[in-house]
């Protein structure tokens, strides 16, 4: 596959959002989606899944076309109640694990050979931390993604 027309990072990010909304939809609140941008209405729903830009690499054009690498952070935000009952705390961890597992299954099925990308992979280990916002406490998992495209 070769192309001299550059693909937009936005196009790939939005396609990922659509695909992951389908893949993770049963784990999200009714009517929610995977947000392909820096969604910030925390406190309205949980979990929140978003895909945000983390950079890109546009090497020189070769005879094979434009081979671009786009980097994203896939983020799972799950409400966590610091002073809550142990069962509520365990449930937050379980939701986080379910999201990560569903994403891994999707990744295995869509890693290569897709119309928009030649490869998508985790670009290192994910990181989990607890974050405090005005709306409360969250467990956040950030998964670094690398997407390779031609065009």
C-alpha atoms as a PDB file:
ATOM      1  CA  UNK A   1       0.000   0.000   0.000  1.00  0.00           C
ATOM      2  CA  UNK A   2       1.512   3.329  -0.975  1.00  0.00           C
ATOM      3  CA  UNK A   3       0.226   6.856  -1.057  1.00  0.00           C
ATOM      4  CA  UNK A   4       1.567  10.343  -1.515  1.00  0.00           C
ATOM      5  CA  UNK A   5      -1.456  11.868   0.232  1.00  0.00           C
ATOM      6  CA  UNK A   6      -0.935  12.277   3.963  1.00  0.00           C
ATOM      7  CA  UNK A   7      -3.555  10.802   6.291  1.00  0.00           C
ATOM      8  CA  UNK A   8      -4.656  13.054   9.095  1.00  0.00           C
ATOM      9  CA  UNK A   9      -3.971  12.100  12.707  1.00  0.00           C
ATOM     10  CA  UNK A  10      -7.515  13.324  13.428  1.00  0.00           C
ATOM     11  CA  UNK A  11      -8.985  10.851  10.924  1.00  0.00           C
ATOM     12  CA  UNK A  12      -7.263   7.925  12.634  1.00  0.00           C
ATOM     13  CA  UNK A  13      -8.170   9.156  16.144  1.00  0.00           C
ATOM     14  CA  UNK A  14     -11.864   9.473  15.226  1.00  0.00           C
ATOM     15  CA  UNK A  15     -11.870   6.048  13.534  1.00  0.00           C
ATOM     16  CA  UNK A  16     -10.377   4.549  16.701  1.00  0.00           C
ATOM     17  CA  UNK A  17     -13.084   6.265  18.754  1.00  0.00           C
ATOM     18  CA  UNK A  18     -15.828   4.782  16.595  1.00  0.00           C
ATOM     19  CA  UNK A  19     -14.315   1.287  16.587  1.00  0.00           C
ATOM     20  CA  UNK A  20     -13.692   1.268  20.342  1.00  0.00           C
ATOM     21  CA  UNK A  21     -17.193   2.600  21.084  1.00  0.00           C
ATOM     22  CA  UNK A  22     -18.481  -0.583  19.442  1.00  0.00           C
ATOM     23  CA  UNK A  23     -15.915  -2.814  21.159  1.00  0.00           C
ATOM     24  CA  UNK A  24     -16.337  -1.327  24.659  1.00  0.00           C
ATOM     25  CA  UNK A  25     -19.948  -0.176  24.409  1.00  0.00           C
ATOM     26  CA  UNK A  26     -21.390  -2.797  26.755  1.00  0.00           C
ATOM     27  CA  UNK A  27     -19.043  -1.548  29.510  1.00  0.00           C
ATOM     28  CA  UNK A  28     -19.999   2.121  29.126  1.00  0.00           C
ATOM     29  CA  UNK A  29     -23.006   3.993  30.559  1.00  0.00           C
ATOM     30  CA  UNK A  30     -26.081   4.124  28.314  1.00  0.00           C
ATOM     31  CA  UNK A  31     -25.562   6.629  25.512  1.00  0.00           C
ATOM     32  CA  UNK A  32     -21.855   7.077  26.254  1.00  0.00           C
ATOM     33  CA  UNK A  33     -19.115   6.701  23.693  1.00  0.00           C
ATOM     34  CA  UNK A  34     -15.362   6.501  23.505  1.00  0.00           C
ATOM     35  CA  UNK A  35     -14.446  10.164  23.237  1.00  0.00           C
ATOM     36  CA  UNK A  36     -11.787  10.793  20.573  1.00  0.00           C
ATOM     37  CA  UNK A  37     -10.725  14.024  22.249  1.00  0.00           C
ATOM     38  CA  UNK A  38      -9.863  15.453  25.664  1.00  0.00           C
ATOM     39  CA  UNK A  39     -13.377  15.012  27.096  1.00  0.00           C
ATOM     40  CA  UNK A  40     -13.603  16.609  30.526  1.00  0.00           C
ATOM     41  CA  UNK A  41     -17.165  16.398  31.909  1.00  0.00           C
ATOM     42  CA  UNK A  42     -16.104  14.201  34.799  1.00  0.00           C
ATOM     43  CA  UNK A  43     -18.739  13.455  37.379  1.00  0.00           C
ATOM     44  CA  UNK A  44     -21.427  13.026  34.733  1.00  0.00           C
ATOM     45  CA  UNK A  45     -20.614   9.408  33.894  1.00  0.00           C
ATOM     46  CA  UNK A  46     -18.262   6.602  34.783  1.00  0.00           C
ATOM     47  CA  UNK A  47     -16.349   5.002  33.264  1.00  0.00           C
ATOM     48  CA  UNK A  48     -15.064   7.543  30.763  1.00  0.00           C
ATOM     49  CA  UNK A  49     -12.906   6.373  27.875  1.00  0.00           C
ATOM     50  CA  UNK A  50     -11.024   8.853  25.751  1.00  0.00           C
ATOM     51  CA  UNK A  51      -8.328   8.880  23.090  1.00  0.00           C
ATOM     52  CA  UNK A  52      -5.995  11.864  23.040  1.00  0.00           C
ATOM     53  CA  UNK A  53      -3.105  12.819  20.795  1.00  0.00           C
ATOM     54  CA  UNK A  54       0.395  12.020  22.009  1.00  0.00           C
ATOM     55  CA  UNK A  55       2.446  13.016  18.963  1.00  0.00           C
ATOM     56  CA  UNK A  56       3.421  11.791  15.553  1.00  0.00           C
ATOM     57  CA  UNK A  57       6.268  10.989  13.220  1.00  0.00           C
ATOM     58  CA  UNK A  58       6.227  11.878   9.542  1.00  0.00           C
ATOM     59  CA  UNK A  59       9.383  10.477   7.915  1.00  0.00           C
ATOM     60  CA  UNK A  60      10.475  11.620   4.461  1.00  0.00           C
ATOM     61  CA  UNK A  61       8.342  10.461   1.533  1.00  0.00           C
ATOM     62  CA  UNK A  62       9.866   7.371  -0.110  1.00  0.00           C
ATOM     63  CA  UNK A  63       9.032   5.484  -3.282  1.00  0.00           C
ATOM     64  CA  UNK A  64       6.569   3.484  -1.163  1.00  0.00           C
ATOM     65  CA  UNK A  65       4.702   6.633  -0.133  1.00  0.00           C
ATOM     66  CA  UNK A  66       4.169   8.389   3.161  1.00  0.00           C
ATOM     67  CA  UNK A  67       4.573   6.082   6.164  1.00  0.00           C
ATOM     68  CA  UNK A  68       3.274   7.960   9.187  1.00  0.00           C
ATOM     69  CA  UNK A  69       3.318   6.943  12.834  1.00  0.00           C
ATOM     70  CA  UNK A  70       0.707   8.437  15.133  1.00  0.00           C
ATOM     71  CA  UNK A  71       0.815   8.178  18.906  1.00  0.00           C
ATOM     72  CA  UNK A  72      -2.195   8.341  21.212  1.00  0.00           C
ATOM     73  CA  UNK A  73      -3.052   7.811  24.832  1.00  0.00           C
ATOM     74  CA  UNK A  74      -6.067   5.580  25.368  1.00  0.00           C
ATOM     75  CA  UNK A  75      -7.410   6.500  28.795  1.00  0.00           C
ATOM     76  CA  UNK A  76      -9.858   4.667  31.032  1.00  0.00           C
ATOM     77  CA  UNK A  77     -11.248   6.850  33.860  1.00  0.00           C
ATOM     78  CA  UNK A  78     -13.241   4.944  36.503  1.00  0.00           C
ATOM     79  CA  UNK A  79     -14.867   6.702  39.471  1.00  0.00           C
ATOM     80  CA  UNK A  80     -13.313   5.574  42.734  1.00  0.00           C
ATOM     81  CA  UNK A  81     -14.529   6.428  46.184  1.00  0.00           C
ATOM     82  CA  UNK A  82     -11.539   6.826  48.485  1.00  0.00           C
ATOM     83  CA  UNK A  83     -13.615   6.498  51.646  1.00  0.00           C
ATOM     84  CA  UNK A  84     -16.162   4.161  50.090  1.00  0.00           C
ATOM     85  CA  UNK A  85     -16.977   0.629  51.050  1.00  0.00           C
ATOM     86  CA  UNK A  86     -14.411  -2.000  50.043  1.00  0.00           C
ATOM     87  CA  UNK A  87     -16.963  -3.517  47.654  1.00  0.00           C
ATOM     88  CA  UNK A  88     -17.264  -0.200  45.757  1.00  0.00           C
ATOM     89  CA  UNK A  89     -13.481   0.098  45.598  1.00  0.00           C
ATOM     90  CA  UNK A  90     -13.140  -3.467  44.302  1.00  0.00           C
ATOM     91  CA  UNK A  91     -15.855  -2.802  41.712  1.00  0.00           C
ATOM     92  CA  UNK A  92     -13.879   0.169  40.358  1.00  0.00           C
ATOM     93  CA  UNK A  93     -10.816  -2.055  39.911  1.00  0.00           C
ATOM     94  CA  UNK A  94     -12.954  -4.729  38.230  1.00  0.00           C
ATOM     95  CA  UNK A  95     -14.405  -2.179  35.768  1.00  0.00           C
ATOM     96  CA  UNK A  96     -10.892  -1.004  34.913  1.00  0.00           C
ATOM     97  CA  UNK A  97      -9.760  -4.592  34.338  1.00  0.00           C
ATOM     98  CA  UNK A  98     -12.824  -5.315  32.158  1.00  0.00           C
ATOM     99  CA  UNK A  99     -12.105  -2.283  29.973  1.00  0.00           C
ATOM    100  CA  UNK A 100      -8.454  -3.248  29.548  1.00  0.00           C
ATOM    101  CA  UNK A 101      -9.402  -6.831  28.680  1.00  0.00           C
ATOM    102  CA  UNK A 102     -12.058  -5.793  26.138  1.00  0.00           C
ATOM    103  CA  UNK A 103      -9.546  -3.436  24.511  1.00  0.00           C
ATOM    104  CA  UNK A 104      -6.927  -6.217  24.340  1.00  0.00           C
ATOM    105  CA  UNK A 105      -9.422  -8.539  22.626  1.00  0.00           C
ATOM    106  CA  UNK A 106     -10.287  -5.781  20.128  1.00  0.00           C
ATOM    107  CA  UNK A 107      -6.590  -5.065  19.529  1.00  0.00           C
ATOM    108  CA  UNK A 108      -5.924  -8.730  18.766  1.00  0.00           C
ATOM    109  CA  UNK A 109      -8.662  -8.700  16.124  1.00  0.00           C
ATOM    110  CA  UNK A 110      -7.722  -5.352  14.559  1.00  0.00           C
ATOM    111  CA  UNK A 111      -3.965  -5.017  14.967  1.00  0.00           C
ATOM    112  CA  UNK A 112      -3.057  -5.372  11.296  1.00  0.00           C
ATOM    113  CA  UNK A 113      -4.650  -5.299   7.883  1.00  0.00           C
ATOM    114  CA  UNK A 114      -7.212  -2.580   8.506  1.00  0.00           C
ATOM    115  CA  UNK A 115      -8.167  -0.128   5.756  1.00  0.00           C
ATOM    116  CA  UNK A 116      -6.902   2.930   7.645  1.00  0.00           C
ATOM    117  CA  UNK A 117      -3.793   1.538   9.332  1.00  0.00           C
ATOM    118  CA  UNK A 118      -1.206  -1.123   8.626  1.00  0.00           C
ATOM    119  CA  UNK A 119      -0.532  -1.727  12.322  1.00  0.00           C
ATOM    120  CA  UNK A 120      -1.735  -0.617  15.735  1.00  0.00           C
ATOM    121  CA  UNK A 121       0.002  -1.686  18.914  1.00  0.00           C
ATOM    122  CA  UNK A 122       0.603  -0.805  22.530  1.00  0.00           C
ATOM    123  CA  UNK A 123       3.723   1.350  22.581  1.00  0.00           C
ATOM    124  CA  UNK A 124       4.990   0.312  26.007  1.00  0.00           C
ATOM    125  CA  UNK A 125       3.298  -0.652  29.244  1.00  0.00           C
ATOM    126  CA  UNK A 126       0.146   0.962  30.491  1.00  0.00           C
ATOM    127  CA  UNK A 127       0.175   3.006  33.690  1.00  0.00           C
ATOM    128  CA  UNK A 128      -2.468   3.137  36.387  1.00  0.00           C
ATOM    129  CA  UNK A 129      -2.753   5.941  38.913  1.00  0.00           C
ATOM    130  CA  UNK A 130      -5.303   7.587  41.150  1.00  0.00           C
ATOM    131  CA  UNK A 131      -6.284  11.128  40.158  1.00  0.00           C
ATOM    132  CA  UNK A 132      -8.303  13.687  42.083  1.00  0.00           C
ATOM    133  CA  UNK A 133     -10.529  16.110  40.172  1.00  0.00           C
ATOM    134  CA  UNK A 134     -13.133  18.572  41.383  1.00  0.00           C
ATOM    135  CA  UNK A 135     -15.661  15.768  40.887  1.00  0.00           C
ATOM    136  CA  UNK A 136     -13.903  13.198  43.039  1.00  0.00           C
ATOM    137  CA  UNK A 137     -11.336  10.432  42.817  1.00  0.00           C
ATOM    138  CA  UNK A 138     -10.658   8.339  39.748  1.00  0.00           C
ATOM    139  CA  UNK A 139      -8.565   5.309  38.865  1.00  0.00           C
ATOM    140  CA  UNK A 140      -6.986   6.132  35.503  1.00  0.00           C
ATOM    141  CA  UNK A 141      -5.274   3.706  33.167  1.00  0.00           C
ATOM    142  CA  UNK A 142      -3.304   5.209  30.291  1.00  0.00           C
ATOM    143  CA  UNK A 143      -2.380   2.911  27.431  1.00  0.00           C
ATOM    144  CA  UNK A 144       0.162   4.285  24.938  1.00  0.00           C
ATOM    145  CA  UNK A 145      -0.799   3.427  21.364  1.00  0.00           C
ATOM    146  CA  UNK A 146       1.188   3.592  18.147  1.00  0.00           C
ATOM    147  CA  UNK A 147      -0.636   3.509  14.813  1.00  0.00           C
ATOM    148  CA  UNK A 148       1.256   3.059  11.569  1.00  0.00           C
ATOM    149  CA  UNK A 149      -0.360   4.269   8.351  1.00  0.00           C
ATOM    150  CA  UNK A 150       0.601   4.653   4.714  1.00  0.00           C
ATOM    151  CA  UNK A 151      -0.707   7.917   3.470  1.00  0.00           C
END
